[in-house]
Amino acid sequence: MSSLSSPRVVKEIIEKHQFKFSKGLGQNFLIDDNILDKIVEGADITENDVVIEVGPGIGTLTQHIAETAKKVVAIEIDDRLIPILKETLGEYDNIEVVHGDVLKVDLKTLIKEHFGDQKPKVVANLPYYVTTPIIMRFLEESIPVSDLVVMIQKEVADRMVSESNCKAYGALSVAVQYYCKPMVVTKVPPSVFIPQPKVESTVIRLQVREEPAVTVENTKIFFNTVKSGFGKRRKTLLNALSSGNLGLGKEQVKEALEQAGIDPKRRAESLDIEEFAVLANALHSIKQQN
């Protein structure tokens, strides 16, 4: 099979099957070997690795992964692409295509059936409209994967790797960094896709931590603290948290801030993940007292 990243081959496949791109599914196919190589290299894929790919399209990235990995399971939501994938990837005996929605598939069962106890890597060119829900499903539901190496919108990647006191820093930054060690693999221009998206992209690697980055007494309170703080990011922490969804009054929030050694006049964007943990634990302690 010739390289599926060749613009000529992609156009031939699209014309042969009279395939129409779906804006609703955010379909953009990669046509650049250099970027594909960088994704595979960025994921550190070896012959012993097993991989889950989300949204294989016509199989361009799948083909590159399969050349190195032991096994690839590609999950594709668009039923129009299933017969195309059977044709384009038919000669590979280490690829299995699953027709389904990654947000609804029983991922833990799928991993157990295909990979046993081995943790797969997730490698994908994700549709931009569901980037965050897909990533957070893997993380929040403790799906047993070792890494997520994904192509996403540059703006979202910037938020995931951002540190405190930066404009891009927000609730997503804290959530991703709680579960992972994020790092940028490479930046990607619109010109390497068919059709070309209107935004720049970034390949990001999220190395899933064995243990969360910080120790918290109550995970729900920790994330409610983060969301409440950034929900009204122009407000001071005292005002943002007392009017958030923590169910605590201003005096209780003030007491927690004092316990945590955090100035009530500070804003959420100035707190690093360790300070959020200390604050959430103080809020948890006060909630238990009431």
C-alpha atoms as a PDB file:
ATOM      1  CA  MET A   1       0.000   0.000   0.000  1.00  0.00           C
ATOM      2  CA  SER A   2       1.388   3.425  -0.945  1.00  0.00           C
ATOM      3  CA  SER A   3       1.639   6.094   1.720  1.00  0.00           C
ATOM      4  CA  LEU A   4      -1.776   7.388   2.712  1.00  0.00           C
ATOM      5  CA  SER A   5      -0.238  10.767   3.514  1.00  0.00           C
ATOM      6  CA  SER A   6       0.354  11.482  -0.169  1.00  0.00           C
ATOM      7  CA  PRO A   7      -2.044  14.252  -1.291  1.00  0.00           C
ATOM      8  CA  ARG A   8      -2.517  12.382  -4.584  1.00  0.00           C
ATOM      9  CA  VAL A   9      -3.461   9.135  -2.807  1.00  0.00           C
ATOM     10  CA  VAL A  10      -5.811  10.948  -0.406  1.00  0.00           C
ATOM     11  CA  LYS A  11      -7.594  12.664  -3.280  1.00  0.00           C
ATOM     12  CA  GLU A  12      -7.877   9.384  -5.196  1.00  0.00           C
ATOM     13  CA  ILE A  13      -9.442   7.631  -2.190  1.00  0.00           C
ATOM     14  CA  ILE A  14     -11.855  10.502  -1.576  1.00  0.00           C
ATOM     15  CA  GLU A  15     -12.926  10.563  -5.232  1.00  0.00           C
ATOM     16  CA  LYS A  16     -13.191   6.776  -5.503  1.00  0.00           C
ATOM     17  CA  HIS A  17     -15.539   6.552  -2.528  1.00  0.00           C
ATOM     18  CA  GLN A  18     -17.216   9.908  -3.222  1.00  0.00           C
ATOM     19  CA  PHE A  19     -16.449  10.862   0.353  1.00  0.00           C
ATOM     20  CA  LYS A  20     -17.691  14.218   1.629  1.00  0.00           C
ATOM     21  CA  PHE A  21     -15.987  15.755   4.640  1.00  0.00           C
ATOM     22  CA  SER A  22     -18.232  16.298   7.641  1.00  0.00           C
ATOM     23  CA  LYS A  23     -17.846  19.667   9.373  1.00  0.00           C
ATOM     24  CA  GLY A  24     -19.944  18.290  12.213  1.00  0.00           C
ATOM     25  CA  LEU A  25     -17.361  15.566  12.857  1.00  0.00           C
ATOM     26  CA  GLY A  26     -14.435  17.949  12.472  1.00  0.00           C
ATOM     27  CA  GLN A  27     -12.752  15.884   9.760  1.00  0.00           C
ATOM     28  CA  ASN A  28      -9.313  17.038   8.567  1.00  0.00           C
ATOM     29  CA  PHE A  29      -6.939  14.435   7.104  1.00  0.00           C
ATOM     30  CA  LEU A  30      -3.159  14.759   7.526  1.00  0.00           C
ATOM     31  CA  ILE A  31      -1.057  14.812   4.347  1.00  0.00           C
ATOM     32  CA  ASP A  32       2.463  15.358   5.671  1.00  0.00           C
ATOM     33  CA  ASP A  33       4.919  12.531   6.397  1.00  0.00           C
ATOM     34  CA  ASN A  34       7.151  14.795   8.474  1.00  0.00           C
ATOM     35  CA  ILE A  35       4.345  15.616  10.928  1.00  0.00           C
ATOM     36  CA  LEU A  36       3.238  11.984  11.070  1.00  0.00           C
ATOM     37  CA  ASP A  37       6.796  10.918  11.880  1.00  0.00           C
ATOM     38  CA  LYS A  38       6.987  13.551  14.628  1.00  0.00           C
ATOM     39  CA  ILE A  39       3.771  12.231  16.193  1.00  0.00           C
ATOM     40  CA  VAL A  40       5.065   8.651  16.255  1.00  0.00           C
ATOM     41  CA  GLU A  41       8.461   9.788  17.547  1.00  0.00           C
ATOM     42  CA  GLY A  42       6.834  12.073  20.126  1.00  0.00           C
ATOM     43  CA  ALA A  43       4.873   9.124  21.449  1.00  0.00           C
ATOM     44  CA  ASP A  44       8.067   7.043  21.719  1.00  0.00           C
ATOM     45  CA  ILE A  45       6.272   4.134  20.032  1.00  0.00           C
ATOM     46  CA  THR A  46       8.272   0.900  20.006  1.00  0.00           C
ATOM     47  CA  GLU A  47       7.623  -2.594  18.662  1.00  0.00           C
ATOM     48  CA  ASN A  48       6.373  -3.577  22.125  1.00  0.00           C
ATOM     49  CA  ASP A  49       3.772  -0.809  22.372  1.00  0.00           C
ATOM     50  CA  VAL A  50       0.036  -1.166  21.885  1.00  0.00           C
ATOM     51  CA  VAL A  51      -1.937   1.857  20.748  1.00  0.00           C
ATOM     52  CA  ILE A  52      -5.483   3.193  20.712  1.00  0.00           C
ATOM     53  CA  GLU A  53      -6.136   5.655  17.913  1.00  0.00           C
ATOM     54  CA  VAL A  54      -9.210   7.884  17.974  1.00  0.00           C
ATOM     55  CA  GLY A  55     -10.644   9.014  14.638  1.00  0.00           C
ATOM     56  CA  PRO A  56      -8.372   7.315  12.084  1.00  0.00           C
ATOM     57  CA  GLY A  57     -10.082   8.931   9.090  1.00  0.00           C
ATOM     58  CA  ILE A  58      -8.779   7.040   6.040  1.00  0.00           C
ATOM     59  CA  GLY A  59      -5.939   5.528   8.088  1.00  0.00           C
ATOM     60  CA  THR A  60      -3.091   7.961   7.426  1.00  0.00           C
ATOM     61  CA  LEU A  61      -1.757   8.134  10.993  1.00  0.00           C
ATOM     62  CA  THR A  62      -2.859   4.547  11.661  1.00  0.00           C
ATOM     63  CA  GLN A  63      -0.535   3.332   8.914  1.00  0.00           C
ATOM     64  CA  HIS A  64       2.431   5.172  10.415  1.00  0.00           C
ATOM     65  CA  ILE A  65       1.731   3.851  13.916  1.00  0.00           C
ATOM     66  CA  ALA A  66       1.281   0.269  12.704  1.00  0.00           C
ATOM     67  CA  GLU A  67       4.686   0.287  11.009  1.00  0.00           C
ATOM     68  CA  THR A  68       6.245   0.424  14.485  1.00  0.00           C
ATOM     69  CA  ALA A  69       3.703  -0.648  17.142  1.00  0.00           C
ATOM     70  CA  LYS A  70       2.799  -4.194  18.127  1.00  0.00           C
ATOM     71  CA  LYS A  71      -0.947  -3.577  17.766  1.00  0.00           C
ATOM     72  CA  VAL A  72      -3.297  -0.695  16.982  1.00  0.00           C
ATOM     73  CA  VAL A  73      -7.008  -0.464  17.761  1.00  0.00           C
ATOM     74  CA  ALA A  74      -8.556   2.446  15.846  1.00  0.00           C
ATOM     75  CA  ILE A  75     -11.952   3.771  16.977  1.00  0.00           C
ATOM     76  CA  GLU A  76     -13.922   5.479  14.203  1.00  0.00           C
ATOM     77  CA  ILE A  77     -17.361   7.073  14.660  1.00  0.00           C
ATOM     78  CA  ASP A  78     -18.145   7.698  10.960  1.00  0.00           C
ATOM     79  CA  ASP A  79     -19.697   4.570   9.424  1.00  0.00           C
ATOM     80  CA  ARG A  80     -18.840   5.864   5.927  1.00  0.00           C
ATOM     81  CA  LEU A  81     -15.145   5.428   6.722  1.00  0.00           C
ATOM     82  CA  ILE A  82     -15.326   1.798   7.897  1.00  0.00           C
ATOM     83  CA  PRO A  83     -15.266   0.232   4.380  1.00  0.00           C
ATOM     84  CA  ILE A  84     -12.553   2.718   3.329  1.00  0.00           C
ATOM     85  CA  LEU A  85     -10.394   1.701   6.296  1.00  0.00           C
ATOM     86  CA  LYS A  86     -10.867  -1.978   5.444  1.00  0.00           C
ATOM     87  CA  GLU A  87      -9.443  -1.203   2.024  1.00  0.00           C
ATOM     88  CA  THR A  88      -6.620   1.158   3.004  1.00  0.00           C
ATOM     89  CA  LEU A  89      -5.415  -0.854   6.017  1.00  0.00           C
ATOM     90  CA  GLY A  90      -6.351  -4.338   4.843  1.00  0.00           C
ATOM     91  CA  GLU A  91      -2.778  -5.570   4.489  1.00  0.00           C
ATOM     92  CA  TYR A  92      -1.921  -4.863   8.144  1.00  0.00           C
ATOM     93  CA  ASP A  93      -2.530  -7.762  10.518  1.00  0.00           C
ATOM     94  CA  ASN A  94      -1.780  -5.638  13.608  1.00  0.00           C
ATOM     95  CA  ILE A  95      -4.650  -3.157  13.116  1.00  0.00           C
ATOM     96  CA  GLU A  96      -8.233  -3.582  14.254  1.00  0.00           C
ATOM     97  CA  VAL A  97     -10.874  -0.984  13.436  1.00  0.00           C
ATOM     98  CA  VAL A  98     -13.738  -0.517  15.893  1.00  0.00           C
ATOM     99  CA  HIS A  99     -16.845   1.348  14.762  1.00  0.00           C
ATOM    100  CA  GLY A 100     -18.020   3.483  17.667  1.00  0.00           C
ATOM    101  CA  ASP A 101     -18.023   6.755  19.581  1.00  0.00           C
ATOM    102  CA  VAL A 102     -15.007   7.002  21.897  1.00  0.00           C
ATOM    103  CA  LEU A 103     -17.159   8.943  24.375  1.00  0.00           C
ATOM    104  CA  LYS A 104     -19.560   5.981  24.625  1.00  0.00           C
ATOM    105  CA  VAL A 105     -17.393   2.892  24.006  1.00  0.00           C
ATOM    106  CA  ASP A 106     -16.617   0.799  27.104  1.00  0.00           C
ATOM    107  CA  LEU A 107     -12.923   1.624  26.979  1.00  0.00           C
ATOM    108  CA  LYS A 108     -11.841  -0.439  29.978  1.00  0.00           C
ATOM    109  CA  THR A 109     -13.412  -3.557  28.474  1.00  0.00           C
ATOM    110  CA  LEU A 110     -11.975  -2.776  25.036  1.00  0.00           C
ATOM    111  CA  ILE A 111      -8.472  -2.429  26.510  1.00  0.00           C
ATOM    112  CA  LYS A 112      -8.813  -5.663  28.491  1.00  0.00           C
ATOM    113  CA  GLU A 113     -10.042  -7.606  25.437  1.00  0.00           C
ATOM    114  CA  HIS A 114      -7.383  -6.330  23.033  1.00  0.00           C
ATOM    115  CA  PHE A 115      -4.368  -5.645  25.223  1.00  0.00           C
ATOM    116  CA  GLY A 116      -4.856  -7.631  28.426  1.00  0.00           C
ATOM    117  CA  ASP A 117      -3.050  -5.921  31.297  1.00  0.00           C
ATOM    118  CA  GLN A 118      -0.777  -3.842  29.064  1.00  0.00           C
ATOM    119  CA  LYS A 119      -1.477  -0.117  29.156  1.00  0.00           C
ATOM    120  CA  PRO A 120      -1.869   1.308  25.644  1.00  0.00           C
ATOM    121  CA  LYS A 121      -0.808   4.708  24.413  1.00  0.00           C
ATOM    122  CA  VAL A 122      -3.510   6.907  22.922  1.00  0.00           C
ATOM    123  CA  VAL A 123      -2.351   8.547  19.688  1.00  0.00           C
ATOM    124  CA  ALA A 124      -4.772  10.644  17.688  1.00  0.00           C
ATOM    125  CA  ASN A 125      -5.562  13.594  15.483  1.00  0.00           C
ATOM    126  CA  LEU A 126      -8.574  14.626  17.546  1.00  0.00           C
ATOM    127  CA  PRO A 127     -11.628  16.471  16.194  1.00  0.00           C
ATOM    128  CA  TYR A 128     -11.315  19.930  17.747  1.00  0.00           C
ATOM    129  CA  TYR A 129     -14.943  20.164  18.849  1.00  0.00           C
ATOM    130  CA  VAL A 130     -14.587  17.215  21.269  1.00  0.00           C
ATOM    131  CA  THR A 131     -10.904  17.471  22.215  1.00  0.00           C
ATOM    132  CA  THR A 132     -11.413  18.245  25.896  1.00  0.00           C
ATOM    133  CA  PRO A 133     -14.266  15.768  26.550  1.00  0.00           C
ATOM    134  CA  ILE A 134     -12.249  12.925  24.993  1.00  0.00           C
ATOM    135  CA  ILE A 135      -9.057  13.712  26.913  1.00  0.00           C
ATOM    136  CA  MET A 136     -10.864  14.251  30.212  1.00  0.00           C
ATOM    137  CA  ARG A 137     -12.803  11.012  29.814  1.00  0.00           C
ATOM    138  CA  PHE A 138      -9.551   9.049  29.697  1.00  0.00           C
ATOM    139  CA  LEU A 139      -8.227  10.933  32.727  1.00  0.00           C
ATOM    140  CA  GLU A 140     -11.269  11.312  34.970  1.00  0.00           C
ATOM    141  CA  GLU A 141     -12.460   7.744  34.491  1.00  0.00           C
ATOM    142  CA  SER A 142      -8.967   6.351  35.169  1.00  0.00           C
ATOM    143  CA  ILE A 143      -8.856   4.539  31.821  1.00  0.00           C
ATOM    144  CA  PRO A 144      -5.608   2.505  32.021  1.00  0.00           C
ATOM    145  CA  VAL A 145      -3.410   4.282  29.458  1.00  0.00           C
ATOM    146  CA  SER A 146       0.197   5.419  29.810  1.00  0.00           C
ATOM    147  CA  ASP A 147       0.204   8.440  27.489  1.00  0.00           C
ATOM    148  CA  LEU A 148      -2.052  10.561  25.316  1.00  0.00           C
ATOM    149  CA  VAL A 149      -0.263  11.994  22.292  1.00  0.00           C
ATOM    150  CA  VAL A 150      -2.808  14.071  20.442  1.00  0.00           C
ATOM    151  CA  MET A 151      -3.099  16.705  17.761  1.00  0.00           C
ATOM    152  CA  ILE A 152      -5.308  19.485  19.093  1.00  0.00           C
ATOM    153  CA  GLN A 153      -6.032  23.151  18.528  1.00  0.00           C
ATOM    154  CA  LYS A 154      -2.982  25.262  19.480  1.00  0.00           C
ATOM    155  CA  GLU A 155      -5.028  27.444  21.822  1.00  0.00           C
ATOM    156  CA  VAL A 156      -6.173  24.408  23.829  1.00  0.00           C
ATOM    157  CA  ALA A 157      -2.652  22.967  23.976  1.00  0.00           C
ATOM    158  CA  ASP A 158      -1.357  26.316  25.243  1.00  0.00           C
ATOM    159  CA  ARG A 159      -3.886  26.163  28.077  1.00  0.00           C
ATOM    160  CA  MET A 160      -2.908  22.594  28.994  1.00  0.00           C
ATOM    161  CA  VAL A 161       0.792  23.396  29.420  1.00  0.00           C
ATOM    162  CA  SER A 162       0.365  26.882  30.884  1.00  0.00           C
ATOM    163  CA  GLU A 163       1.722  27.799  34.312  1.00  0.00           C
ATOM    164  CA  SER A 164       0.169  30.153  36.864  1.00  0.00           C
ATOM    165  CA  ASN A 165       0.199  33.913  36.224  1.00  0.00           C
ATOM    166  CA  CYS A 166      -0.138  33.368  32.471  1.00  0.00           C
ATOM    167  CA  LYS A 167      -3.094  34.448  30.360  1.00  0.00           C
ATOM    168  CA  ALA A 168      -3.710  30.877  29.103  1.00  0.00           C
ATOM    169  CA  TYR A 169      -3.714  29.431  32.632  1.00  0.00           C
ATOM    170  CA  GLY A 170      -7.114  28.194  33.783  1.00  0.00           C
ATOM    171  CA  ALA A 171      -9.174  25.303  35.096  1.00  0.00           C
ATOM    172  CA  LEU A 172      -8.129  23.069  32.165  1.00  0.00           C
ATOM    173  CA  SER A 173      -4.445  23.699  32.957  1.00  0.00           C
ATOM    174  CA  VAL A 174      -4.893  22.559  36.555  1.00  0.00           C
ATOM    175  CA  ALA A 175      -7.071  19.562  35.625  1.00  0.00           C
ATOM    176  CA  VAL A 176      -4.658  18.224  32.998  1.00  0.00           C
ATOM    177  CA  GLN A 177      -1.593  18.832  35.173  1.00  0.00           C
ATOM    178  CA  TYR A 178      -3.267  17.104  38.128  1.00  0.00           C
ATOM    179  CA  TYR A 179      -3.426  13.881  36.087  1.00  0.00           C
ATOM    180  CA  CYS A 180      -0.511  14.292  33.650  1.00  0.00           C
ATOM    181  CA  LYS A 181       2.856  15.742  32.782  1.00  0.00           C
ATOM    182  CA  PRO A 182       2.109  17.750  29.604  1.00  0.00           C
ATOM    183  CA  MET A 183       4.683  18.682  26.991  1.00  0.00           C
ATOM    184  CA  VAL A 184       4.528  20.110  23.470  1.00  0.00           C
ATOM    185  CA  VAL A 185       5.788  17.747  20.758  1.00  0.00           C
ATOM    186  CA  THR A 186       5.482  20.015  17.724  1.00  0.00           C
ATOM    187  CA  LYS A 187       3.433  22.842  16.251  1.00  0.00           C
ATOM    188  CA  VAL A 188       1.457  22.149  13.085  1.00  0.00           C
ATOM    189  CA  PRO A 189       0.364  24.612  10.357  1.00  0.00           C
ATOM    190  CA  PRO A 190      -3.041  24.358   8.616  1.00  0.00           C
ATOM    191  CA  SER A 191      -1.340  23.564   5.284  1.00  0.00           C
ATOM    192  CA  VAL A 192      -0.681  19.902   6.204  1.00  0.00           C
ATOM    193  CA  PHE A 193      -4.386  18.987   6.244  1.00  0.00           C
ATOM    194  CA  ILE A 194      -7.121  18.282   3.716  1.00  0.00           C
ATOM    195  CA  PRO A 195      -9.275  20.341   4.075  1.00  0.00           C
ATOM    196  CA  GLN A 196      -7.231  23.034   5.789  1.00  0.00           C
ATOM    197  CA  PRO A 197      -8.563  24.101   9.205  1.00  0.00           C
ATOM    198  CA  LYS A 198      -8.784  27.793  10.055  1.00  0.00           C
ATOM    199  CA  VAL A 199      -6.611  27.424  13.164  1.00  0.00           C
ATOM    200  CA  GLU A 200      -3.093  26.284  13.986  1.00  0.00           C
ATOM    201  CA  SER A 201      -2.594  22.942  15.690  1.00  0.00           C
ATOM    202  CA  THR A 202      -0.220  21.461  18.237  1.00  0.00           C
ATOM    203  CA  VAL A 203       0.782  17.894  18.981  1.00  0.00           C
ATOM    204  CA  ILE A 204       0.902  17.509  22.751  1.00  0.00           C
ATOM    205  CA  ARG A 205       2.038  14.572  24.867  1.00  0.00           C
ATOM    206  CA  LEU A 206       0.300  13.938  28.182  1.00  0.00           C
ATOM    207  CA  GLN A 207       2.220  11.422  30.270  1.00  0.00           C
ATOM    208  CA  VAL A 208      -0.300  10.018  32.723  1.00  0.00           C
ATOM    209  CA  ARG A 209       0.971  10.137  36.309  1.00  0.00           C
ATOM    210  CA  GLU A 210       0.964   7.023  38.485  1.00  0.00           C
ATOM    211  CA  GLU A 211      -0.319   9.284  41.276  1.00  0.00           C
ATOM    212  CA  PRO A 212      -1.917  12.746  40.974  1.00  0.00           C
ATOM    213  CA  ALA A 213       0.421  15.739  41.082  1.00  0.00           C
ATOM    214  CA  VAL A 214      -0.898  16.803  44.503  1.00  0.00           C
ATOM    215  CA  THR A 215      -2.567  15.101  47.459  1.00  0.00           C
ATOM    216  CA  VAL A 216      -6.107  16.259  48.168  1.00  0.00           C
ATOM    217  CA  GLU A 217      -8.554  15.188  50.857  1.00  0.00           C
ATOM    218  CA  ASN A 218     -11.557  15.395  48.549  1.00  0.00           C
ATOM    219  CA  THR A 219     -11.213  15.375  44.759  1.00  0.00           C
ATOM    220  CA  LYS A 220     -14.667  16.882  44.175  1.00  0.00           C
ATOM    221  CA  ILE A 221     -13.939  19.837  46.468  1.00  0.00           C
ATOM    222  CA  PHE A 222     -10.538  20.322  44.818  1.00  0.00           C
ATOM    223  CA  PHE A 223     -12.026  20.605  41.339  1.00  0.00           C
ATOM    224  CA  ASN A 224     -14.972  22.698  42.574  1.00  0.00           C
ATOM    225  CA  THR A 225     -12.435  25.073  44.123  1.00  0.00           C
ATOM    226  CA  VAL A 226     -10.564  25.335  40.824  1.00  0.00           C
ATOM    227  CA  LYS A 227     -13.751  25.788  38.760  1.00  0.00           C
ATOM    228  CA  SER A 228     -15.227  28.338  41.169  1.00  0.00           C
ATOM    229  CA  GLY A 229     -12.003  30.320  41.238  1.00  0.00           C
ATOM    230  CA  PHE A 230     -11.650  30.480  37.464  1.00  0.00           C
ATOM    231  CA  GLY A 231     -15.407  30.795  36.888  1.00  0.00           C
ATOM    232  CA  LYS A 232     -15.137  34.401  37.969  1.00  0.00           C
ATOM    233  CA  ARG A 233     -11.449  34.941  37.367  1.00  0.00           C
ATOM    234  CA  ARG A 234     -11.619  38.731  37.602  1.00  0.00           C
ATOM    235  CA  LYS A 235     -12.903  38.471  41.167  1.00  0.00           C
ATOM    236  CA  THR A 236     -10.740  37.933  44.210  1.00  0.00           C
ATOM    237  CA  LEU A 237     -10.605  34.383  45.540  1.00  0.00           C
ATOM    238  CA  LEU A 238     -12.699  35.412  48.535  1.00  0.00           C
ATOM    239  CA  ASN A 239     -15.544  36.665  46.340  1.00  0.00           C
ATOM    240  CA  ALA A 240     -15.229  34.013  43.621  1.00  0.00           C
ATOM    241  CA  LEU A 241     -15.252  31.063  46.040  1.00  0.00           C
ATOM    242  CA  SER A 242     -18.017  32.379  48.305  1.00  0.00           C
ATOM    243  CA  SER A 243     -20.279  32.877  45.285  1.00  0.00           C
ATOM    244  CA  GLY A 244     -19.254  29.607  43.619  1.00  0.00           C
ATOM    245  CA  ASN A 245     -20.600  26.080  44.008  1.00  0.00           C
ATOM    246  CA  LEU A 246     -18.792  25.167  47.227  1.00  0.00           C
ATOM    247  CA  GLY A 247     -21.773  25.891  49.455  1.00  0.00           C
ATOM    248  CA  LEU A 248     -19.734  28.026  51.858  1.00  0.00           C
ATOM    249  CA  GLY A 249     -20.295  31.585  53.019  1.00  0.00           C
ATOM    250  CA  LYS A 250     -17.783  34.423  52.840  1.00  0.00           C
ATOM    251  CA  GLU A 251     -16.636  34.030  56.450  1.00  0.00           C
ATOM    252  CA  GLN A 252     -16.003  30.298  55.975  1.00  0.00           C
ATOM    253  CA  VAL A 253     -14.062  30.914  52.747  1.00  0.00           C
ATOM    254  CA  LYS A 254     -12.066  33.647  54.494  1.00  0.00           C
ATOM    255  CA  GLU A 255     -11.195  31.230  57.300  1.00  0.00           C
ATOM    256  CA  ALA A 256     -10.047  28.588  54.786  1.00  0.00           C
ATOM    257  CA  LEU A 257      -7.880  31.121  52.958  1.00  0.00           C
ATOM    258  CA  GLU A 258      -6.281  32.111  56.260  1.00  0.00           C
ATOM    259  CA  GLN A 259      -5.642  28.445  57.120  1.00  0.00           C
ATOM    260  CA  ALA A 260      -4.032  27.960  53.707  1.00  0.00           C
ATOM    261  CA  GLY A 261      -1.901  31.075  54.092  1.00  0.00           C
ATOM    262  CA  ILE A 262      -3.362  32.614  50.931  1.00  0.00           C
ATOM    263  CA  ASP A 263      -4.220  36.315  50.638  1.00  0.00           C
ATOM    264  CA  PRO A 264      -8.027  36.614  50.080  1.00  0.00           C
ATOM    265  CA  LYS A 265      -7.337  39.385  47.545  1.00  0.00           C
ATOM    266  CA  ARG A 266      -5.425  37.081  45.204  1.00  0.00           C
ATOM    267  CA  ARG A 267      -7.056  35.731  42.052  1.00  0.00           C
ATOM    268  CA  ALA A 268      -7.265  32.138  40.843  1.00  0.00           C
ATOM    269  CA  GLU A 269      -4.756  32.668  38.036  1.00  0.00           C
ATOM    270  CA  SER A 270      -2.033  33.416  40.608  1.00  0.00           C
ATOM    271  CA  LEU A 271      -2.349  30.050  42.397  1.00  0.00           C
ATOM    272  CA  ASP A 272      -0.252  27.104  41.308  1.00  0.00           C
ATOM    273  CA  ILE A 273      -1.595  23.562  41.620  1.00  0.00           C
ATOM    274  CA  GLU A 274       0.049  23.025  45.028  1.00  0.00           C
ATOM    275  CA  GLU A 275      -1.671  26.130  46.444  1.00  0.00           C
ATOM    276  CA  PHE A 276      -5.018  24.983  45.040  1.00  0.00           C
ATOM    277  CA  ALA A 277      -4.523  21.679  46.851  1.00  0.00           C
ATOM    278  CA  VAL A 278      -3.719  23.362  50.172  1.00  0.00           C
ATOM    279  CA  LEU A 279      -6.740  25.638  49.793  1.00  0.00           C
ATOM    280  CA  ALA A 280      -9.085  22.796  48.811  1.00  0.00           C
ATOM    281  CA  ASN A 281      -7.958  20.780  51.832  1.00  0.00           C
ATOM    282  CA  ALA A 282      -8.658  23.760  54.109  1.00  0.00           C
ATOM    283  CA  LEU A 283     -12.116  24.182  52.563  1.00  0.00           C
ATOM    284  CA  HIS A 284     -12.757  20.465  53.035  1.00  0.00           C
ATOM    285  CA  SER A 285     -11.793  20.732  56.708  1.00  0.00           C
ATOM    286  CA  ILE A 286     -14.179  23.638  57.262  1.00  0.00           C
ATOM    287  CA  LYS A 287     -17.030  21.883  55.465  1.00  0.00           C
ATOM    288  CA  GLN A 288     -16.560  18.894  57.785  1.00  0.00           C
ATOM    289  CA  GLN A 289     -16.848  21.169  60.811  1.00  0.00           C
ATOM    290  CA  ASN A 290     -20.252  22.426  59.688  1.00  0.00           C
END
